[in-house]
Amino acid sequence: MMRVSDPDIERCMLDLLRSRVETASICPSDVARALTHDEDGWRELMPAVRDVAARMAHRQRLKITQGDATLDPDQISHGPIRLRRGPGFPASD
């Protein structure tokens, strides 16, 4: 698998969220699929995407949700989640 850096993952998340309306969300797999185009590659990337999302949620750059609930970033090891702009979402980098 090609190595994708954490900064590349974070940049991709921010870009995908910026490309949608403010209230929209993205799936972590959207990020993984944007960074690698083969089936096995994006699946292998998912743990790293979730780890970066958790770190960004701790910094309030994004929120991690499941349904209407905002999740604790330390509790996202499994299950479907969505990523949304957080209160500290940067206007631009």
PDB file of N, CA and C in Angstrom:
ATOM      1  N   MET A   1       0.842  -1.188   0.000  1.00  0.00           N
ATOM      2  CA  MET A   1       0.000   0.000   0.000  1.00  0.00           C
ATOM      3  C   MET A   1       0.885   1.249   0.000  1.00  0.00           C
ATOM      4  N   MET A   2       0.453   2.238  -0.750  1.00  0.00           N
ATOM      5  CA  MET A   2       1.219   3.481  -0.736  1.00  0.00           C
ATOM      6  C   MET A   2       1.024   4.175   0.601  1.00  0.00           C
ATOM      7  N   ARG A   3       2.037   4.847   1.051  1.00  0.00           N
ATOM      8  CA  ARG A   3       1.974   5.556   2.336  1.00  0.00           C
ATOM      9  C   ARG A   3       1.352   6.928   2.108  1.00  0.00           C
ATOM     10  N   VAL A   4       0.301   7.218   2.860  1.00  0.00           N
ATOM     11  CA  VAL A   4      -0.349   8.529   2.825  1.00  0.00           C
ATOM     12  C   VAL A   4      -0.089   9.163   4.177  1.00  0.00           C
ATOM     13  N   SER A   5       0.430  10.383   4.177  1.00  0.00           N
ATOM     14  CA  SER A   5       0.779  11.038   5.429  1.00  0.00           C
ATOM     15  C   SER A   5      -0.462  11.590   6.135  1.00  0.00           C
ATOM     16  N   ASP A   6      -0.348  11.746   7.441  1.00  0.00           N
ATOM     17  CA  ASP A   6      -1.435  12.347   8.215  1.00  0.00           C
ATOM     18  C   ASP A   6      -1.775  13.753   7.714  1.00  0.00           C
ATOM     19  N   PRO A   7      -0.777  14.605   7.403  1.00  0.00           N
ATOM     20  CA  PRO A   7      -1.129  15.917   6.856  1.00  0.00           C
ATOM     21  C   PRO A   7      -1.902  15.828   5.537  1.00  0.00           C
ATOM     22  N   ASP A   8      -1.582  14.827   4.697  1.00  0.00           N
ATOM     23  CA  ASP A   8      -2.331  14.636   3.449  1.00  0.00           C
ATOM     24  C   ASP A   8      -3.777  14.250   3.742  1.00  0.00           C
ATOM     25  N   ILE A   9      -3.975  13.393   4.738  1.00  0.00           N
ATOM     26  CA  ILE A   9      -5.329  12.979   5.122  1.00  0.00           C
ATOM     27  C   ILE A   9      -6.105  14.186   5.647  1.00  0.00           C
ATOM     28  N   GLU A  10      -5.482  14.972   6.526  1.00  0.00           N
ATOM     29  CA  GLU A  10      -6.147  16.141   7.081  1.00  0.00           C
ATOM     30  C   GLU A  10      -6.506  17.138   5.978  1.00  0.00           C
ATOM     31  N   ARG A  11      -5.585  17.397   5.088  1.00  0.00           N
ATOM     32  CA  ARG A  11      -5.835  18.334   3.979  1.00  0.00           C
ATOM     33  C   ARG A  11      -7.001  17.848   3.130  1.00  0.00           C
ATOM     34  N   CYS A  12      -7.049  16.557   2.856  1.00  0.00           N
ATOM     35  CA  CYS A  12      -8.135  15.989   2.058  1.00  0.00           C
ATOM     36  C   CYS A  12      -9.478  16.163   2.771  1.00  0.00           C
ATOM     37  N   MET A  13      -9.526  15.910   4.075  1.00  0.00           N
ATOM     38  CA  MET A  13     -10.761  16.097   4.837  1.00  0.00           C
ATOM     39  C   MET A  13     -11.240  17.536   4.742  1.00  0.00           C
ATOM     40  N   LEU A  14     -10.326  18.474   4.965  1.00  0.00           N
ATOM     41  CA  LEU A  14     -10.687  19.889   4.911  1.00  0.00           C
ATOM     42  C   LEU A  14     -11.181  20.271   3.523  1.00  0.00           C
ATOM     43  N   ASP A  15     -10.483  19.803   2.486  1.00  0.00           N
ATOM     44  CA  ASP A  15     -10.890  20.119   1.115  1.00  0.00           C
ATOM     45  C   ASP A  15     -12.268  19.561   0.793  1.00  0.00           C
ATOM     46  N   LEU A  16     -12.521  18.308   1.194  1.00  0.00           N
ATOM     47  CA  LEU A  16     -13.828  17.707   0.915  1.00  0.00           C
ATOM     48  C   LEU A  16     -14.946  18.446   1.652  1.00  0.00           C
ATOM     49  N   LEU A  17     -14.704  18.814   2.907  1.00  0.00           N
ATOM     50  CA  LEU A  17     -15.726  19.552   3.651  1.00  0.00           C
ATOM     51  C   LEU A  17     -15.929  20.951   3.067  1.00  0.00           C
ATOM     52  N   ARG A  18     -14.871  21.594   2.653  1.00  0.00           N
ATOM     53  CA  ARG A  18     -14.996  22.931   2.045  1.00  0.00           C
ATOM     54  C   ARG A  18     -15.768  22.893   0.735  1.00  0.00           C
ATOM     55  N   SER A  19     -15.705  21.758   0.029  1.00  0.00           N
ATOM     56  CA  SER A  19     -16.356  21.658  -1.273  1.00  0.00           C
ATOM     57  C   SER A  19     -17.865  21.416  -1.160  1.00  0.00           C
ATOM     58  N   ARG A  20     -18.346  21.253   0.063  1.00  0.00           N
ATOM     59  CA  ARG A  20     -19.771  21.024   0.298  1.00  0.00           C
ATOM     60  C   ARG A  20     -20.360  22.192   1.083  1.00  0.00           C
ATOM     61  N   VAL A  21     -21.688  22.254   1.129  1.00  0.00           N
ATOM     62  CA  VAL A  21     -22.320  23.307   1.931  1.00  0.00           C
ATOM     63  C   VAL A  21     -21.925  23.119   3.386  1.00  0.00           C
ATOM     64  N   GLU A  22     -21.980  24.205   4.152  1.00  0.00           N
ATOM     65  CA  GLU A  22     -21.495  24.208   5.532  1.00  0.00           C
ATOM     66  C   GLU A  22     -22.117  23.134   6.414  1.00  0.00           C
ATOM     67  N   THR A  23     -23.367  22.793   6.165  1.00  0.00           N
ATOM     68  CA  THR A  23     -24.071  21.834   7.019  1.00  0.00           C
ATOM     69  C   THR A  23     -23.887  20.385   6.569  1.00  0.00           C
ATOM     70  N   ALA A  24     -23.190  20.170   5.471  1.00  0.00           N
ATOM     71  CA  ALA A  24     -23.024  18.815   4.930  1.00  0.00           C
ATOM     72  C   ALA A  24     -21.988  18.029   5.723  1.00  0.00           C
ATOM     73  N   SER A  25     -22.024  16.726   5.540  1.00  0.00           N
ATOM     74  CA  SER A  25     -21.041  15.851   6.174  1.00  0.00           C
ATOM     75  C   SER A  25     -20.383  14.994   5.100  1.00  0.00           C
ATOM     76  N   ILE A  26     -19.280  14.378   5.491  1.00  0.00           N
ATOM     77  CA  ILE A  26     -18.606  13.419   4.615  1.00  0.00           C
ATOM     78  C   ILE A  26     -18.412  12.124   5.389  1.00  0.00           C
ATOM     79  N   CYS A  27     -18.249  11.064   4.654  1.00  0.00           N
ATOM     80  CA  CYS A  27     -17.944   9.760   5.237  1.00  0.00           C
ATOM     81  C   CYS A  27     -16.418   9.608   5.241  1.00  0.00           C
ATOM     82  N   PRO A  28     -15.860   9.002   6.280  1.00  0.00           N
ATOM     83  CA  PRO A  28     -14.409   8.770   6.264  1.00  0.00           C
ATOM     84  C   PRO A  28     -13.945   8.026   4.999  1.00  0.00           C
ATOM     85  N   SER A  29     -14.805   7.148   4.464  1.00  0.00           N
ATOM     86  CA  SER A  29     -14.408   6.430   3.248  1.00  0.00           C
ATOM     87  C   SER A  29     -14.292   7.366   2.051  1.00  0.00           C
ATOM     88  N   ASP A  30     -15.009   8.512   2.060  1.00  0.00           N
ATOM     89  CA  ASP A  30     -14.841   9.501   0.991  1.00  0.00           C
ATOM     90  C   ASP A  30     -13.389   9.985   0.962  1.00  0.00           C
ATOM     91  N   VAL A  31     -12.832  10.198   2.148  1.00  0.00           N
ATOM     92  CA  VAL A  31     -11.446  10.660   2.268  1.00  0.00           C
ATOM     93  C   VAL A  31     -10.497   9.575   1.772  1.00  0.00           C
ATOM     94  N   ALA A  32     -10.681   8.365   2.267  1.00  0.00           N
ATOM     95  CA  ALA A  32      -9.794   7.265   1.876  1.00  0.00           C
ATOM     96  C   ALA A  32      -9.857   7.011   0.375  1.00  0.00           C
ATOM     97  N   ARG A  33     -11.055   7.054  -0.191  1.00  0.00           N
ATOM     98  CA  ARG A  33     -11.197   6.808  -1.634  1.00  0.00           C
ATOM     99  C   ARG A  33     -10.573   7.934  -2.462  1.00  0.00           C
ATOM    100  N   ALA A  34     -10.611   9.165  -1.945  1.00  0.00           N
ATOM    101  CA  ALA A  34     -10.002  10.285  -2.669  1.00  0.00           C
ATOM    102  C   ALA A  34      -8.477  10.179  -2.682  1.00  0.00           C
ATOM    103  N   LEU A  35      -7.919   9.499  -1.691  1.00  0.00           N
ATOM    104  CA  LEU A  35      -6.462   9.417  -1.563  1.00  0.00           C
ATOM    105  C   LEU A  35      -5.847   8.197  -2.226  1.00  0.00           C
ATOM    106  N   THR A  36      -6.635   7.173  -2.442  1.00  0.00           N
ATOM    107  CA  THR A  36      -6.145   5.978  -3.121  1.00  0.00           C
ATOM    108  C   THR A  36      -7.300   5.373  -3.893  1.00  0.00           C
ATOM    109  N   HIS A  37      -7.029   4.895  -5.079  1.00  0.00           N
ATOM    110  CA  HIS A  37      -8.125   4.535  -5.967  1.00  0.00           C
ATOM    111  C   HIS A  37      -8.392   3.041  -6.105  1.00  0.00           C
ATOM    112  N   ASP A  38      -7.640   2.219  -5.396  1.00  0.00           N
ATOM    113  CA  ASP A  38      -7.938   0.790  -5.507  1.00  0.00           C
ATOM    114  C   ASP A  38      -8.692   0.320  -4.262  1.00  0.00           C
ATOM    115  N   GLU A  39      -9.468  -0.716  -4.430  1.00  0.00           N
ATOM    116  CA  GLU A  39     -10.365  -1.210  -3.374  1.00  0.00           C
ATOM    117  C   GLU A  39      -9.616  -1.567  -2.088  1.00  0.00           C
ATOM    118  N   ASP A  40      -8.532  -2.308  -2.206  1.00  0.00           N
ATOM    119  CA  ASP A  40      -7.776  -2.693  -1.016  1.00  0.00           C
ATOM    120  C   ASP A  40      -7.084  -1.493  -0.377  1.00  0.00           C
ATOM    121  N   GLY A  41      -6.615  -0.577  -1.190  1.00  0.00           N
ATOM    122  CA  GLY A  41      -5.897   0.580  -0.680  1.00  0.00           C
ATOM    123  C   GLY A  41      -6.744   1.468   0.204  1.00  0.00           C
ATOM    124  N   TRP A  42      -7.963   1.785  -0.225  1.00  0.00           N
ATOM    125  CA  TRP A  42      -8.780   2.679   0.601  1.00  0.00           C
ATOM    126  C   TRP A  42      -9.208   1.988   1.876  1.00  0.00           C
ATOM    127  N   ARG A  43      -9.466   0.700   1.837  1.00  0.00           N
ATOM    128  CA  ARG A  43      -9.849  -0.020   3.059  1.00  0.00           C
ATOM    129  C   ARG A  43      -8.701  -0.042   4.073  1.00  0.00           C
ATOM    130  N   GLU A  44      -7.481  -0.235   3.591  1.00  0.00           N
ATOM    131  CA  GLU A  44      -6.309  -0.235   4.473  1.00  0.00           C
ATOM    132  C   GLU A  44      -6.072   1.147   5.080  1.00  0.00           C
ATOM    133  N   LEU A  45      -6.506   2.180   4.400  1.00  0.00           N
ATOM    134  CA  LEU A  45      -6.295   3.554   4.853  1.00  0.00           C
ATOM    135  C   LEU A  45      -7.301   3.990   5.923  1.00  0.00           C
ATOM    136  N   MET A  46      -8.406   3.273   6.065  1.00  0.00           N
ATOM    137  CA  MET A  46      -9.482   3.690   6.973  1.00  0.00           C
ATOM    138  C   MET A  46      -9.038   3.887   8.431  1.00  0.00           C
ATOM    139  N   PRO A  47      -8.236   3.014   9.032  1.00  0.00           N
ATOM    140  CA  PRO A  47      -7.808   3.283  10.417  1.00  0.00           C
ATOM    141  C   PRO A  47      -7.049   4.601  10.552  1.00  0.00           C
ATOM    142  N   ALA A  48      -6.195   4.915   9.592  1.00  0.00           N
ATOM    143  CA  ALA A  48      -5.452   6.179   9.642  1.00  0.00           C
ATOM    144  C   ALA A  48      -6.405   7.367   9.490  1.00  0.00           C
ATOM    145  N   VAL A  49      -7.406   7.239   8.619  1.00  0.00           N
ATOM    146  CA  VAL A  49      -8.388   8.320   8.426  1.00  0.00           C
ATOM    147  C   VAL A  49      -9.150   8.558   9.726  1.00  0.00           C
ATOM    148  N   ARG A  50      -9.570   7.493  10.396  1.00  0.00           N
ATOM    149  CA  ARG A  50     -10.286   7.636  11.666  1.00  0.00           C
ATOM    150  C   ARG A  50      -9.391   8.261  12.738  1.00  0.00           C
ATOM    151  N   ASP A  51      -8.121   7.873  12.766  1.00  0.00           N
ATOM    152  CA  ASP A  51      -7.183   8.449  13.744  1.00  0.00           C
ATOM    153  C   ASP A  51      -7.006   9.947  13.527  1.00  0.00           C
ATOM    154  N   VAL A  52      -6.833  10.349  12.272  1.00  0.00           N
ATOM    155  CA  VAL A  52      -6.677  11.775  11.969  1.00  0.00           C
ATOM    156  C   VAL A  52      -7.971  12.519  12.312  1.00  0.00           C
ATOM    157  N   ALA A  53      -9.118  11.933  11.998  1.00  0.00           N
ATOM    158  CA  ALA A  53     -10.401  12.571  12.326  1.00  0.00           C
ATOM    159  C   ALA A  53     -10.530  12.779  13.832  1.00  0.00           C
ATOM    160  N   ALA A  54     -10.119  11.796  14.609  1.00  0.00           N
ATOM    161  CA  ALA A  54     -10.199  11.925  16.073  1.00  0.00           C
ATOM    162  C   ALA A  54      -9.315  13.062  16.560  1.00  0.00           C
ATOM    163  N   ARG A  55      -8.098  13.163  16.030  1.00  0.00           N
ATOM    164  CA  ARG A  55      -7.202  14.258  16.439  1.00  0.00           C
ATOM    165  C   ARG A  55      -7.779  15.616  16.040  1.00  0.00           C
ATOM    166  N   MET A  56      -8.374  15.687  14.855  1.00  0.00           N
ATOM    167  CA  MET A  56      -8.981  16.940  14.412  1.00  0.00           C
ATOM    168  C   MET A  56     -10.198  17.288  15.272  1.00  0.00           C
ATOM    169  N   ALA A  57     -10.944  16.285  15.699  1.00  0.00           N
ATOM    170  CA  ALA A  57     -12.110  16.531  16.557  1.00  0.00           C
ATOM    171  C   ALA A  57     -11.662  17.038  17.926  1.00  0.00           C
ATOM    172  N   HIS A  58     -10.562  16.518  18.440  1.00  0.00           N
ATOM    173  CA  HIS A  58     -10.032  17.021  19.710  1.00  0.00           C
ATOM    174  C   HIS A  58      -9.655  18.502  19.604  1.00  0.00           C
ATOM    175  N   ARG A  59      -9.236  18.920  18.417  1.00  0.00           N
ATOM    176  CA  ARG A  59      -8.880  20.328  18.187  1.00  0.00           C
ATOM    177  C   ARG A  59     -10.087  21.131  17.704  1.00  0.00           C
ATOM    178  N   GLN A  60     -11.250  20.509  17.643  1.00  0.00           N
ATOM    179  CA  GLN A  60     -12.523  21.113  17.243  1.00  0.00           C
ATOM    180  C   GLN A  60     -12.540  21.601  15.801  1.00  0.00           C
ATOM    181  N   ARG A  61     -11.650  21.074  14.984  1.00  0.00           N
ATOM    182  CA  ARG A  61     -11.672  21.404  13.558  1.00  0.00           C
ATOM    183  C   ARG A  61     -12.837  20.700  12.876  1.00  0.00           C
ATOM    184  N   LEU A  62     -13.243  19.572  13.421  1.00  0.00           N
ATOM    185  CA  LEU A  62     -14.418  18.883  12.902  1.00  0.00           C
ATOM    186  C   LEU A  62     -15.150  18.180  14.035  1.00  0.00           C
ATOM    187  N   LYS A  63     -16.372  17.747  13.726  1.00  0.00           N
ATOM    188  CA  LYS A  63     -17.189  16.963  14.660  1.00  0.00           C
ATOM    189  C   LYS A  63     -17.389  15.596  14.041  1.00  0.00           C
ATOM    190  N   ILE A  64     -17.413  14.584  14.884  1.00  0.00           N
ATOM    191  CA  ILE A  64     -17.682  13.226  14.437  1.00  0.00           C
ATOM    192  C   ILE A  64     -19.082  12.881  14.919  1.00  0.00           C
ATOM    193  N   THR A  65     -19.935  12.500  13.986  1.00  0.00           N
ATOM    194  CA  THR A  65     -21.327  12.226  14.341  1.00  0.00           C
ATOM    195  C   THR A  65     -21.747  10.828  13.918  1.00  0.00           C
ATOM    196  N   GLN A  66     -22.788  10.384  14.603  1.00  0.00           N
ATOM    197  CA  GLN A  66     -23.454   9.130  14.257  1.00  0.00           C
ATOM    198  C   GLN A  66     -24.929   9.420  14.451  1.00  0.00           C
ATOM    199  N   GLY A  67     -25.666   9.503  13.351  1.00  0.00           N
ATOM    200  CA  GLY A  67     -27.041   9.965  13.433  1.00  0.00           C
ATOM    201  C   GLY A  67     -27.029  11.414  13.885  1.00  0.00           C
ATOM    202  N   ASP A  68     -27.845  11.742  14.883  1.00  0.00           N
ATOM    203  CA  ASP A  68     -27.895  13.111  15.404  1.00  0.00           C
ATOM    204  C   ASP A  68     -26.904  13.350  16.536  1.00  0.00           C
ATOM    205  N   ALA A  69     -26.209  12.308  16.973  1.00  0.00           N
ATOM    206  CA  ALA A  69     -25.315  12.414  18.128  1.00  0.00           C
ATOM    207  C   ALA A  69     -23.893  12.785  17.709  1.00  0.00           C
ATOM    208  N   THR A  70     -23.280  13.689  18.471  1.00  0.00           N
ATOM    209  CA  THR A  70     -21.858  13.980  18.303  1.00  0.00           C
ATOM    210  C   THR A  70     -21.093  13.027  19.212  1.00  0.00           C
ATOM    211  N   LEU A  71     -20.135  12.331  18.642  1.00  0.00           N
ATOM    212  CA  LEU A  71     -19.399  11.302  19.379  1.00  0.00           C
ATOM    213  C   LEU A  71     -18.135  11.853  20.015  1.00  0.00           C
ATOM    214  N   ASP A  72     -17.747  11.229  21.096  1.00  0.00           N
ATOM    215  CA  ASP A  72     -16.449  11.478  21.713  1.00  0.00           C
ATOM    216  C   ASP A  72     -15.395  10.935  20.739  1.00  0.00           C
ATOM    217  N   PRO A  73     -14.408  11.743  20.368  1.00  0.00           N
ATOM    218  CA  PRO A  73     -13.401  11.287  19.402  1.00  0.00           C
ATOM    219  C   PRO A  73     -12.652  10.032  19.837  1.00  0.00           C
ATOM    220  N   ASP A  74     -12.610   9.758  21.126  1.00  0.00           N
ATOM    221  CA  ASP A  74     -11.916   8.566  21.605  1.00  0.00           C
ATOM    222  C   ASP A  74     -12.782   7.310  21.526  1.00  0.00           C
ATOM    223  N   GLN A  75     -14.016   7.453  21.068  1.00  0.00           N
ATOM    224  CA  GLN A  75     -14.949   6.325  21.043  1.00  0.00           C
ATOM    225  C   GLN A  75     -15.417   5.991  19.628  1.00  0.00           C
ATOM    226  N   ILE A  76     -14.561   6.137  18.646  1.00  0.00           N
ATOM    227  CA  ILE A  76     -14.982   5.905  17.256  1.00  0.00           C
ATOM    228  C   ILE A  76     -14.287   4.709  16.617  1.00  0.00           C
ATOM    229  N   SER A  77     -13.967   3.698  17.375  1.00  0.00           N
ATOM    230  CA  SER A  77     -13.198   2.582  16.836  1.00  0.00           C
ATOM    231  C   SER A  77     -13.974   1.746  15.819  1.00  0.00           C
ATOM    232  N   HIS A  78     -15.300   1.791  15.872  1.00  0.00           N
ATOM    233  CA  HIS A  78     -16.082   1.011  14.918  1.00  0.00           C
ATOM    234  C   HIS A  78     -17.439   1.676  14.695  1.00  0.00           C
ATOM    235  N   GLY A  79     -18.128   1.173  13.701  1.00  0.00           N
ATOM    236  CA  GLY A  79     -19.459   1.691  13.400  1.00  0.00           C
ATOM    237  C   GLY A  79     -19.419   2.840  12.416  1.00  0.00           C
ATOM    238  N   PRO A  80     -20.556   3.100  11.781  1.00  0.00           N
ATOM    239  CA  PRO A  80     -20.615   4.174  10.785  1.00  0.00           C
ATOM    240  C   PRO A  80     -20.555   5.546  11.449  1.00  0.00           C
ATOM    241  N   ILE A  81     -19.719   6.396  10.910  1.00  0.00           N
ATOM    242  CA  ILE A  81     -19.596   7.767  11.419  1.00  0.00           C
ATOM    243  C   ILE A  81     -19.607   8.732  10.245  1.00  0.00           C
ATOM    244  N   ARG A  82     -19.870   9.990  10.542  1.00  0.00           N
ATOM    245  CA  ARG A  82     -19.813  11.066   9.567  1.00  0.00           C
ATOM    246  C   ARG A  82     -18.924  12.172  10.134  1.00  0.00           C
ATOM    247  N   LEU A  83     -18.322  12.923   9.257  1.00  0.00           N
ATOM    248  CA  LEU A  83     -17.446  14.030   9.650  1.00  0.00           C
ATOM    249  C   LEU A  83     -18.094  15.336   9.200  1.00  0.00           C
ATOM    250  N   ARG A  84     -18.162  16.302  10.112  1.00  0.00           N
ATOM    251  CA  ARG A  84     -18.768  17.608   9.835  1.00  0.00           C
ATOM    252  C   ARG A  84     -17.822  18.716  10.291  1.00  0.00           C
ATOM    253  N   ARG A  85     -18.056  19.911   9.791  1.00  0.00           N
ATOM    254  CA  ARG A  85     -17.269  21.064  10.242  1.00  0.00           C
ATOM    255  C   ARG A  85     -17.495  21.279  11.733  1.00  0.00           C
ATOM    256  N   GLY A  86     -16.417  21.513  12.458  1.00  0.00           N
ATOM    257  CA  GLY A  86     -16.506  21.815  13.879  1.00  0.00           C
ATOM    258  C   GLY A  86     -16.412  23.316  14.107  1.00  0.00           C
ATOM    259  N   PRO A  87     -16.544  23.747  15.359  1.00  0.00           N
ATOM    260  CA  PRO A  87     -16.467  25.176  15.661  1.00  0.00           C
ATOM    261  C   PRO A  87     -15.111  25.786  15.307  1.00  0.00           C
ATOM    262  N   GLY A  88     -14.070  24.995  15.284  1.00  0.00           N
ATOM    263  CA  GLY A  88     -12.741  25.498  14.935  1.00  0.00           C
ATOM    264  C   GLY A  88     -12.335  25.214  13.508  1.00  0.00           C
ATOM    265  N   PHE A  89     -13.329  24.905  12.659  1.00  0.00           N
ATOM    266  CA  PHE A  89     -13.028  24.610  11.258  1.00  0.00           C
ATOM    267  C   PHE A  89     -12.366  25.818  10.615  1.00  0.00           C
ATOM    268  N   PRO A  90     -11.193  25.631   9.997  1.00  0.00           N
ATOM    269  CA  PRO A  90     -10.480  26.779   9.435  1.00  0.00           C
ATOM    270  C   PRO A  90     -11.161  27.307   8.167  1.00  0.00           C
ATOM    271  N   ALA A  91     -11.209  28.619   8.053  1.00  0.00           N
ATOM    272  CA  ALA A  91     -11.772  29.236   6.860  1.00  0.00           C
ATOM    273  C   ALA A  91     -10.953  28.824   5.633  1.00  0.00           C
ATOM    274  N   SER A  92      -9.645  28.787   5.796  1.00  0.00           N
ATOM    275  CA  SER A  92      -8.746  28.305   4.744  1.00  0.00           C
ATOM    276  C   SER A  92      -7.373  28.067   5.372  1.00  0.00           C
ATOM    277  N   ASP A  93      -6.589  27.261   4.702  1.00  0.00           N
ATOM    278  CA  ASP A  93      -5.221  26.981   5.194  1.00  0.00           C
ATOM    279  C   ASP A  93      -4.202  27.581   4.263  1.00  0.00           C
TER     280      ASP A  93
END
